[in-house]
């Protein structure tokens, strides 16, 4: 499943993310490079699916 991630807010070294396909999913990271793995881990935890089932595309 492809997940589209957008940075909702960036303040004080924290990036709050919005996942378009899963609006109930809340993810925050400190570094841009952490986005894909953090979103995949959170999506797998929320859905009970394998992390391998997800792909992340970061939009701006």
PDB file of N, CA and C in Angstrom:
ATOM      1  N   UNK A   1       0.844  -1.168   0.000  1.00  0.00           N
ATOM      2  CA  UNK A   1       0.000   0.000   0.000  1.00  0.00           C
ATOM      3  C   UNK A   1       0.894   1.238   0.000  1.00  0.00           C
ATOM      4  N   UNK A   2       0.626   2.124  -0.911  1.00  0.00           N
ATOM      5  CA  UNK A   2       1.400   3.360  -0.998  1.00  0.00           C
ATOM      6  C   UNK A   2       0.770   4.403  -0.079  1.00  0.00           C
ATOM      7  N   UNK A   3       1.603   5.012   0.752  1.00  0.00           N
ATOM      8  CA  UNK A   3       1.156   6.058   1.666  1.00  0.00           C
ATOM      9  C   UNK A   3       1.799   7.379   1.272  1.00  0.00           C
ATOM     10  N   UNK A   4       0.982   8.397   1.142  1.00  0.00           N
ATOM     11  CA  UNK A   4       1.466   9.731   0.821  1.00  0.00           C
ATOM     12  C   UNK A   4       1.554  10.526   2.117  1.00  0.00           C
ATOM     13  N   UNK A   5       2.752  11.023   2.403  1.00  0.00           N
ATOM     14  CA  UNK A   5       2.996  11.742   3.651  1.00  0.00           C
ATOM     15  C   UNK A   5       3.294  13.202   3.349  1.00  0.00           C
ATOM     16  N   UNK A   6       2.667  14.068   4.129  1.00  0.00           N
ATOM     17  CA  UNK A   6       2.933  15.498   4.011  1.00  0.00           C
ATOM     18  C   UNK A   6       3.349  16.027   5.378  1.00  0.00           C
ATOM     19  N   UNK A   7       4.238  16.987   5.364  1.00  0.00           N
ATOM     20  CA  UNK A   7       4.649  17.623   6.610  1.00  0.00           C
ATOM     21  C   UNK A   7       3.580  18.641   6.973  1.00  0.00           C
ATOM     22  N   UNK A   8       2.889  18.371   8.068  1.00  0.00           N
ATOM     23  CA  UNK A   8       1.795  19.236   8.501  1.00  0.00           C
ATOM     24  C   UNK A   8       2.333  20.473   9.206  1.00  0.00           C
ATOM     25  N   UNK A   9       3.364  20.266  10.041  1.00  0.00           N
ATOM     26  CA  UNK A   9       3.933  21.384  10.799  1.00  0.00           C
ATOM     27  C   UNK A   9       5.384  21.046  11.131  1.00  0.00           C
ATOM     28  N   UNK A  10       6.233  22.051  11.085  1.00  0.00           N
ATOM     29  CA  UNK A  10       7.639  21.880  11.441  1.00  0.00           C
ATOM     30  C   UNK A  10       8.018  22.983  12.425  1.00  0.00           C
ATOM     31  N   UNK A  11       8.201  22.584  13.690  1.00  0.00           N
ATOM     32  CA  UNK A  11       8.568  23.555  14.714  1.00  0.00           C
ATOM     33  C   UNK A  11       9.530  22.928  15.710  1.00  0.00           C
ATOM     34  N   UNK A  12      10.457  23.710  16.190  1.00  0.00           N
ATOM     35  CA  UNK A  12      11.375  23.299  17.251  1.00  0.00           C
ATOM     36  C   UNK A  12      12.045  21.949  16.980  1.00  0.00           C
ATOM     37  N   UNK A  13      12.470  21.733  15.750  1.00  0.00           N
ATOM     38  CA  UNK A  13      13.175  20.499  15.419  1.00  0.00           C
ATOM     39  C   UNK A  13      12.282  19.280  15.334  1.00  0.00           C
ATOM     40  N   UNK A  14      10.984  19.484  15.218  1.00  0.00           N
ATOM     41  CA  UNK A  14      10.035  18.369  15.157  1.00  0.00           C
ATOM     42  C   UNK A  14       9.181  18.522  13.904  1.00  0.00           C
ATOM     43  N   UNK A  15       9.017  17.426  13.173  1.00  0.00           N
ATOM     44  CA  UNK A  15       8.163  17.407  11.987  1.00  0.00           C
ATOM     45  C   UNK A  15       6.915  16.597  12.310  1.00  0.00           C
ATOM     46  N   UNK A  16       5.757  17.248  12.300  1.00  0.00           N
ATOM     47  CA  UNK A  16       4.486  16.557  12.485  1.00  0.00           C
ATOM     48  C   UNK A  16       3.965  16.189  11.108  1.00  0.00           C
ATOM     49  N   UNK A  17       3.638  14.913  10.936  1.00  0.00           N
ATOM     50  CA  UNK A  17       3.296  14.396   9.619  1.00  0.00           C
ATOM     51  C   UNK A  17       1.822  14.054   9.491  1.00  0.00           C
ATOM     52  N   UNK A  18       1.328  14.172   8.272  1.00  0.00           N
ATOM     53  CA  UNK A  18      -0.039  13.786   7.938  1.00  0.00           C
ATOM     54  C   UNK A  18       0.058  12.706   6.871  1.00  0.00           C
ATOM     55  N   UNK A  19      -0.638  11.603   7.071  1.00  0.00           N
ATOM     56  CA  UNK A  19      -0.683  10.526   6.089  1.00  0.00           C
ATOM     57  C   UNK A  19      -2.033  10.625   5.383  1.00  0.00           C
ATOM     58  N   UNK A  20      -2.010  10.959   4.108  1.00  0.00           N
ATOM     59  CA  UNK A  20      -3.230  11.247   3.357  1.00  0.00           C
ATOM     60  C   UNK A  20      -4.210  10.067   3.406  1.00  0.00           C
ATOM     61  N   UNK A  21      -3.724   8.863   3.186  1.00  0.00           N
ATOM     62  CA  UNK A  21      -4.594   7.690   3.118  1.00  0.00           C
ATOM     63  C   UNK A  21      -5.047   7.186   4.494  1.00  0.00           C
ATOM     64  N   UNK A  22      -4.416   7.638   5.541  1.00  0.00           N
ATOM     65  CA  UNK A  22      -4.747   7.211   6.903  1.00  0.00           C
ATOM     66  C   UNK A  22      -4.759   8.432   7.816  1.00  0.00           C
ATOM     67  N   UNK A  23      -5.792   9.266   7.743  1.00  0.00           N
ATOM     68  CA  UNK A  23      -5.810  10.505   8.518  1.00  0.00           C
ATOM     69  C   UNK A  23      -5.746  10.294  10.032  1.00  0.00           C
ATOM     70  N   UNK A  24      -6.119   9.118  10.499  1.00  0.00           N
ATOM     71  CA  UNK A  24      -6.076   8.838  11.938  1.00  0.00           C
ATOM     72  C   UNK A  24      -4.663   8.539  12.429  1.00  0.00           C
ATOM     73  N   UNK A  25      -3.732   8.354  11.522  1.00  0.00           N
ATOM     74  CA  UNK A  25      -2.352   8.032  11.868  1.00  0.00           C
ATOM     75  C   UNK A  25      -1.578   9.304  12.203  1.00  0.00           C
ATOM     76  N   UNK A  26      -1.037   9.370  13.403  1.00  0.00           N
ATOM     77  CA  UNK A  26      -0.255  10.521  13.831  1.00  0.00           C
ATOM     78  C   UNK A  26       1.199  10.107  13.999  1.00  0.00           C
ATOM     79  N   UNK A  27       2.082  10.799  13.300  1.00  0.00           N
ATOM     80  CA  UNK A  27       3.504  10.479  13.335  1.00  0.00           C
ATOM     81  C   UNK A  27       4.289  11.780  13.449  1.00  0.00           C
ATOM     82  N   UNK A  28       5.334  11.756  14.265  1.00  0.00           N
ATOM     83  CA  UNK A  28       6.233  12.906  14.386  1.00  0.00           C
ATOM     84  C   UNK A  28       7.667  12.382  14.390  1.00  0.00           C
ATOM     85  N   UNK A  29       8.552  13.104  13.729  1.00  0.00           N
ATOM     86  CA  UNK A  29       9.965  12.727  13.662  1.00  0.00           C
ATOM     87  C   UNK A  29      10.811  13.976  13.885  1.00  0.00           C
ATOM     88  N   UNK A  30      12.084  13.759  14.124  1.00  0.00           N
ATOM     89  CA  UNK A  30      13.013  14.887  14.291  1.00  0.00           C
ATOM     90  C   UNK A  30      13.807  15.163  13.012  1.00  0.00           C
ATOM     91  N   UNK A  31      14.036  14.121  12.223  1.00  0.00           N
ATOM     92  CA  UNK A  31      14.846  14.276  11.015  1.00  0.00           C
ATOM     93  C   UNK A  31      14.068  13.807   9.791  1.00  0.00           C
ATOM     94  N   UNK A  32      14.276  14.512   8.690  1.00  0.00           N
ATOM     95  CA  UNK A  32      13.589  14.187   7.446  1.00  0.00           C
ATOM     96  C   UNK A  32      13.815  12.739   7.035  1.00  0.00           C
ATOM     97  N   UNK A  33      15.046  12.243   7.208  1.00  0.00           N
ATOM     98  CA  UNK A  33      15.365  10.883   6.767  1.00  0.00           C
ATOM     99  C   UNK A  33      14.634   9.809   7.570  1.00  0.00           C
ATOM    100  N   UNK A  34      14.072  10.169   8.725  1.00  0.00           N
ATOM    101  CA  UNK A  34      13.331   9.223   9.563  1.00  0.00           C
ATOM    102  C   UNK A  34      11.890   9.019   9.095  1.00  0.00           C
ATOM    103  N   UNK A  35      11.409   9.870   8.203  1.00  0.00           N
ATOM    104  CA  UNK A  35      10.003   9.842   7.809  1.00  0.00           C
ATOM    105  C   UNK A  35       9.558   8.474   7.294  1.00  0.00           C
ATOM    106  N   UNK A  36      10.198   7.897   6.265  1.00  0.00           N
ATOM    107  CA  UNK A  36       9.681   6.633   5.736  1.00  0.00           C
ATOM    108  C   UNK A  36       9.579   5.516   6.781  1.00  0.00           C
ATOM    109  N   UNK A  37      10.634   5.299   7.546  1.00  0.00           N
ATOM    110  CA  UNK A  37      10.605   4.199   8.503  1.00  0.00           C
ATOM    111  C   UNK A  37       9.603   4.446   9.627  1.00  0.00           C
ATOM    112  N   UNK A  38       9.479   5.691  10.089  1.00  0.00           N
ATOM    113  CA  UNK A  38       8.529   6.002  11.161  1.00  0.00           C
ATOM    114  C   UNK A  38       7.089   5.801  10.692  1.00  0.00           C
ATOM    115  N   UNK A  39       6.791   6.224   9.480  1.00  0.00           N
ATOM    116  CA  UNK A  39       5.434   6.084   8.950  1.00  0.00           C
ATOM    117  C   UNK A  39       5.104   4.612   8.709  1.00  0.00           C
ATOM    118  N   UNK A  40       6.036   3.864   8.144  1.00  0.00           N
ATOM    119  CA  UNK A  40       5.803   2.441   7.898  1.00  0.00           C
ATOM    120  C   UNK A  40       5.572   1.698   9.211  1.00  0.00           C
ATOM    121  N   UNK A  41       6.384   1.978  10.203  1.00  0.00           N
ATOM    122  CA  UNK A  41       6.241   1.317  11.505  1.00  0.00           C
ATOM    123  C   UNK A  41       4.885   1.643  12.135  1.00  0.00           C
ATOM    124  N   UNK A  42       4.487   2.901  12.091  1.00  0.00           N
ATOM    125  CA  UNK A  42       3.209   3.306  12.674  1.00  0.00           C
ATOM    126  C   UNK A  42       2.027   2.710  11.911  1.00  0.00           C
ATOM    127  N   UNK A  43       2.102   2.691  10.588  1.00  0.00           N
ATOM    128  CA  UNK A  43       1.016   2.125   9.776  1.00  0.00           C
ATOM    129  C   UNK A  43       0.874   0.629  10.033  1.00  0.00           C
ATOM    130  N   UNK A  44       1.987  -0.067  10.122  1.00  0.00           N
ATOM    131  CA  UNK A  44       1.940  -1.512  10.392  1.00  0.00           C
ATOM    132  C   UNK A  44       1.352  -1.774  11.774  1.00  0.00           C
ATOM    133  N   UNK A  45       1.719  -0.975  12.740  1.00  0.00           N
ATOM    134  CA  UNK A  45       1.202  -1.130  14.099  1.00  0.00           C
ATOM    135  C   UNK A  45      -0.303  -0.874  14.145  1.00  0.00           C
ATOM    136  N   UNK A  46      -0.751   0.157  13.448  1.00  0.00           N
ATOM    137  CA  UNK A  46      -2.170   0.520  13.446  1.00  0.00           C
ATOM    138  C   UNK A  46      -3.028  -0.533  12.743  1.00  0.00           C
ATOM    139  N   UNK A  47      -2.523  -1.068  11.632  1.00  0.00           N
ATOM    140  CA  UNK A  47      -3.333  -1.974  10.809  1.00  0.00           C
ATOM    141  C   UNK A  47      -3.119  -3.450  11.104  1.00  0.00           C
ATOM    142  N   UNK A  48      -1.995  -3.785  11.737  1.00  0.00           N
ATOM    143  CA  UNK A  48      -1.674  -5.189  11.963  1.00  0.00           C
ATOM    144  C   UNK A  48      -1.067  -5.858  10.743  1.00  0.00           C
ATOM    145  N   UNK A  49      -0.785  -5.094   9.719  1.00  0.00           N
ATOM    146  CA  UNK A  49      -0.167  -5.623   8.492  1.00  0.00           C
ATOM    147  C   UNK A  49       1.355  -5.590   8.627  1.00  0.00           C
ATOM    148  N   UNK A  50       2.010  -6.311   7.746  1.00  0.00           N
ATOM    149  CA  UNK A  50       3.464  -6.350   7.715  1.00  0.00           C
ATOM    150  C   UNK A  50       4.019  -5.005   7.238  1.00  0.00           C
ATOM    151  N   UNK A  51       5.181  -4.633   7.752  1.00  0.00           N
ATOM    152  CA  UNK A  51       5.833  -3.403   7.295  1.00  0.00           C
ATOM    153  C   UNK A  51       6.159  -3.471   5.806  1.00  0.00           C
ATOM    154  N   UNK A  52       6.351  -4.673   5.292  1.00  0.00           N
ATOM    155  CA  UNK A  52       6.662  -4.841   3.869  1.00  0.00           C
ATOM    156  C   UNK A  52       5.481  -4.490   2.967  1.00  0.00           C
ATOM    157  N   UNK A  53       4.293  -4.353   3.536  1.00  0.00           N
ATOM    158  CA  UNK A  53       3.100  -4.020   2.757  1.00  0.00           C
ATOM    159  C   UNK A  53       3.007  -2.542   2.409  1.00  0.00           C
ATOM    160  N   UNK A  54       3.906  -1.717   2.964  1.00  0.00           N
ATOM    161  CA  UNK A  54       3.784  -0.269   2.810  1.00  0.00           C
ATOM    162  C   UNK A  54       4.964   0.342   2.075  1.00  0.00           C
ATOM    163  N   UNK A  55       4.647   1.362   1.281  1.00  0.00           N
ATOM    164  CA  UNK A  55       5.631   2.214   0.617  1.00  0.00           C
ATOM    165  C   UNK A  55       5.269   3.647   0.965  1.00  0.00           C
ATOM    166  N   UNK A  56       6.264   4.488   1.125  1.00  0.00           N
ATOM    167  CA  UNK A  56       6.010   5.876   1.510  1.00  0.00           C
ATOM    168  C   UNK A  56       6.495   6.822   0.434  1.00  0.00           C
ATOM    169  N   UNK A  57       5.646   7.779   0.108  1.00  0.00           N
ATOM    170  CA  UNK A  57       5.998   8.867  -0.800  1.00  0.00           C
ATOM    171  C   UNK A  57       5.817  10.164  -0.021  1.00  0.00           C
ATOM    172  N   UNK A  58       6.875  10.945   0.077  1.00  0.00           N
ATOM    173  CA  UNK A  58       6.802  12.211   0.817  1.00  0.00           C
ATOM    174  C   UNK A  58       6.461  13.329  -0.146  1.00  0.00           C
ATOM    175  N   UNK A  59       5.361  14.009   0.139  1.00  0.00           N
ATOM    176  CA  UNK A  59       4.933  15.147  -0.675  1.00  0.00           C
ATOM    177  C   UNK A  59       5.246  16.433   0.045  1.00  0.00           C
ATOM    178  N   UNK A  60       5.289  17.519  -0.702  1.00  0.00           N
ATOM    179  CA  UNK A  60       5.601  18.819  -0.108  1.00  0.00           C
ATOM    180  C   UNK A  60       4.475  19.785  -0.339  1.00  0.00           C
TER     181      UNK A  60
END
